[in-house]
Amino acid sequence: MVEPIDGRTDELDRELREHLRPRSAPAGFTDRVMARVPAERGSRSPLRFVAQPVWRWAAIAAVLAVTVLGGLEHDRQQRIAGEHARQQVLLALRITGATLREVQQKVQTPQQK
């Protein structure tokens, strides 16, 4: 335990002990608390979600909007990537076709020496 530096520390320590000691609840405390607890805690309305604050509905709407828009953007990006891949394949086929034609012409014409 820390040694008190002066008399003020002893007084503060005594006050803290006094305020933090266990005490009994005042008369009628339990009745007042129980009166504030709803009588039927187990029963819930099937439409209780309607009574939620507006900010919750706004958050739900925002999440749904972001999800839908994100999905649409993802689809668009996939289409763009697919079109780019298609263009690359077509270019590769044209290059391959041109190369094959050149090789075929060289094979068909007699080589001159």
Protein backbone atom coordinates (compact mmCIF):
# COMPACT_ATOMS: atom_id res chain seq x y z
CA MET A 1 0.00 0.00 0.00
CA VAL A 2 1.20 3.53 -0.73
CA GLU A 3 2.21 5.61 2.22
CA PRO A 4 0.14 8.79 2.60
CA ILE A 5 2.07 11.94 1.69
CA ASP A 6 0.10 14.28 3.89
CA GLY A 7 -3.09 14.51 5.93
CA ARG A 8 -5.16 15.34 2.84
CA THR A 9 -4.43 11.90 1.36
CA ASP A 10 -5.67 10.24 4.57
CA GLU A 11 -8.86 12.30 4.45
CA LEU A 12 -9.43 11.48 0.76
CA ASP A 13 -8.85 7.79 1.44
CA ARG A 14 -11.37 7.86 4.31
CA GLU A 15 -13.98 9.64 2.13
CA LEU A 16 -13.55 7.14 -0.67
CA ARG A 17 -13.98 4.21 1.70
CA GLU A 18 -17.10 5.82 3.16
CA HIS A 19 -18.70 6.43 -0.24
CA LEU A 20 -17.79 3.02 -1.63
CA ARG A 21 -18.90 0.86 1.28
CA PRO A 22 -21.87 -1.45 0.65
CA ARG A 23 -25.28 -0.09 1.62
CA SER A 24 -28.79 -1.47 1.67
CA ALA A 25 -31.27 -0.24 -0.92
CA PRO A 26 -33.76 2.35 0.33
CA ALA A 27 -37.24 1.22 1.27
CA GLY A 28 -39.50 0.74 -1.76
CA PHE A 29 -36.60 0.68 -4.24
CA THR A 30 -37.47 -2.77 -5.59
CA ASP A 31 -41.13 -1.82 -6.05
CA ARG A 32 -40.21 1.36 -7.95
CA VAL A 33 -37.84 -0.51 -10.26
CA MET A 34 -40.33 -3.30 -10.93
CA ALA A 35 -43.05 -0.74 -11.70
CA ARG A 36 -40.91 0.57 -14.55
CA VAL A 37 -40.37 -2.89 -16.10
CA PRO A 38 -42.96 -3.65 -18.80
CA ALA A 39 -45.60 -6.08 -17.61
CA GLU A 40 -45.40 -8.41 -20.63
CA ARG A 41 -41.76 -8.66 -21.68
CA GLY A 42 -42.25 -11.94 -23.54
CA SER A 43 -44.99 -10.77 -25.89
CA ARG A 44 -43.77 -8.89 -28.92
CA SER A 45 -45.75 -7.46 -31.74
CA PRO A 46 -45.06 -9.02 -35.13
CA LEU A 47 -44.90 -5.46 -36.51
CA ARG A 48 -42.39 -4.18 -33.95
CA PHE A 49 -39.90 -3.42 -36.73
CA VAL A 50 -42.21 -0.61 -37.91
CA ALA A 51 -41.68 1.19 -34.62
CA GLN A 52 -37.90 1.35 -35.12
CA PRO A 53 -36.36 4.79 -35.45
CA VAL A 54 -36.14 6.36 -38.88
CA TRP A 55 -32.33 6.24 -38.87
CA ARG A 56 -32.45 2.45 -38.79
CA TRP A 57 -34.68 2.43 -41.85
CA ALA A 58 -32.32 4.88 -43.53
CA ALA A 59 -29.34 2.64 -42.71
CA ILE A 60 -31.15 -0.41 -44.10
CA ALA A 61 -32.06 1.49 -47.27
CA ALA A 62 -28.45 2.67 -47.66
CA VAL A 63 -27.08 -0.85 -47.26
CA LEU A 64 -29.57 -2.19 -49.81
CA ALA A 65 -28.77 0.60 -52.27
CA VAL A 66 -25.03 0.04 -51.95
CA THR A 67 -25.49 -3.71 -52.38
CA VAL A 68 -27.64 -3.34 -55.52
CA LEU A 69 -25.44 -0.65 -57.05
CA GLY A 70 -22.32 -2.65 -56.20
CA GLY A 71 -23.78 -5.69 -57.92
CA LEU A 72 -24.66 -3.69 -61.00
CA GLU A 73 -21.18 -2.17 -61.14
CA HIS A 74 -19.63 -5.61 -60.74
CA ASP A 75 -21.70 -6.90 -63.67
CA ARG A 76 -20.66 -3.91 -65.79
CA GLN A 77 -16.99 -4.49 -64.99
CA GLN A 78 -17.37 -8.18 -65.91
CA ARG A 79 -18.95 -7.25 -69.25
CA ILE A 80 -16.14 -4.79 -70.00
CA ALA A 81 -13.51 -7.40 -69.12
CA GLY A 82 -15.29 -9.99 -71.29
CA GLU A 83 -15.44 -7.60 -74.25
CA HIS A 84 -11.75 -6.78 -73.84
CA ALA A 85 -10.88 -10.51 -73.77
CA ARG A 86 -13.03 -11.06 -76.89
CA GLN A 87 -11.19 -8.30 -78.75
CA GLN A 88 -7.84 -9.81 -77.76
CA VAL A 89 -8.91 -13.26 -79.01
CA LEU A 90 -10.10 -11.79 -82.33
CA LEU A 91 -6.80 -9.94 -82.76
CA ALA A 92 -4.85 -13.11 -81.98
CA LEU A 93 -6.92 -15.02 -84.56
CA ARG A 94 -6.26 -12.34 -87.22
CA ILE A 95 -2.52 -12.41 -86.51
CA THR A 96 -2.52 -16.22 -86.59
CA GLY A 97 -4.51 -16.27 -89.86
CA ALA A 98 -2.13 -13.78 -91.49
CA THR A 99 0.90 -15.76 -90.36
CA LEU A 100 -0.62 -19.01 -91.64
CA ARG A 101 -1.34 -17.40 -95.04
CA GLU A 102 2.27 -16.23 -95.29
CA VAL A 103 3.56 -19.70 -94.43
CA GLN A 104 1.16 -21.31 -96.90
CA GLN A 105 2.30 -18.99 -99.70
CA LYS A 106 5.94 -19.78 -98.96
CA VAL A 107 5.23 -23.51 -99.02
CA GLN A 108 3.21 -23.37 -102.27
CA THR A 109 5.63 -21.23 -104.29
CA PRO A 110 8.80 -22.93 -105.46
CA GLN A 111 11.87 -21.63 -103.81
CA GLN A 112 14.13 -19.79 -106.18
CA LYS A 113 17.84 -20.13 -105.82
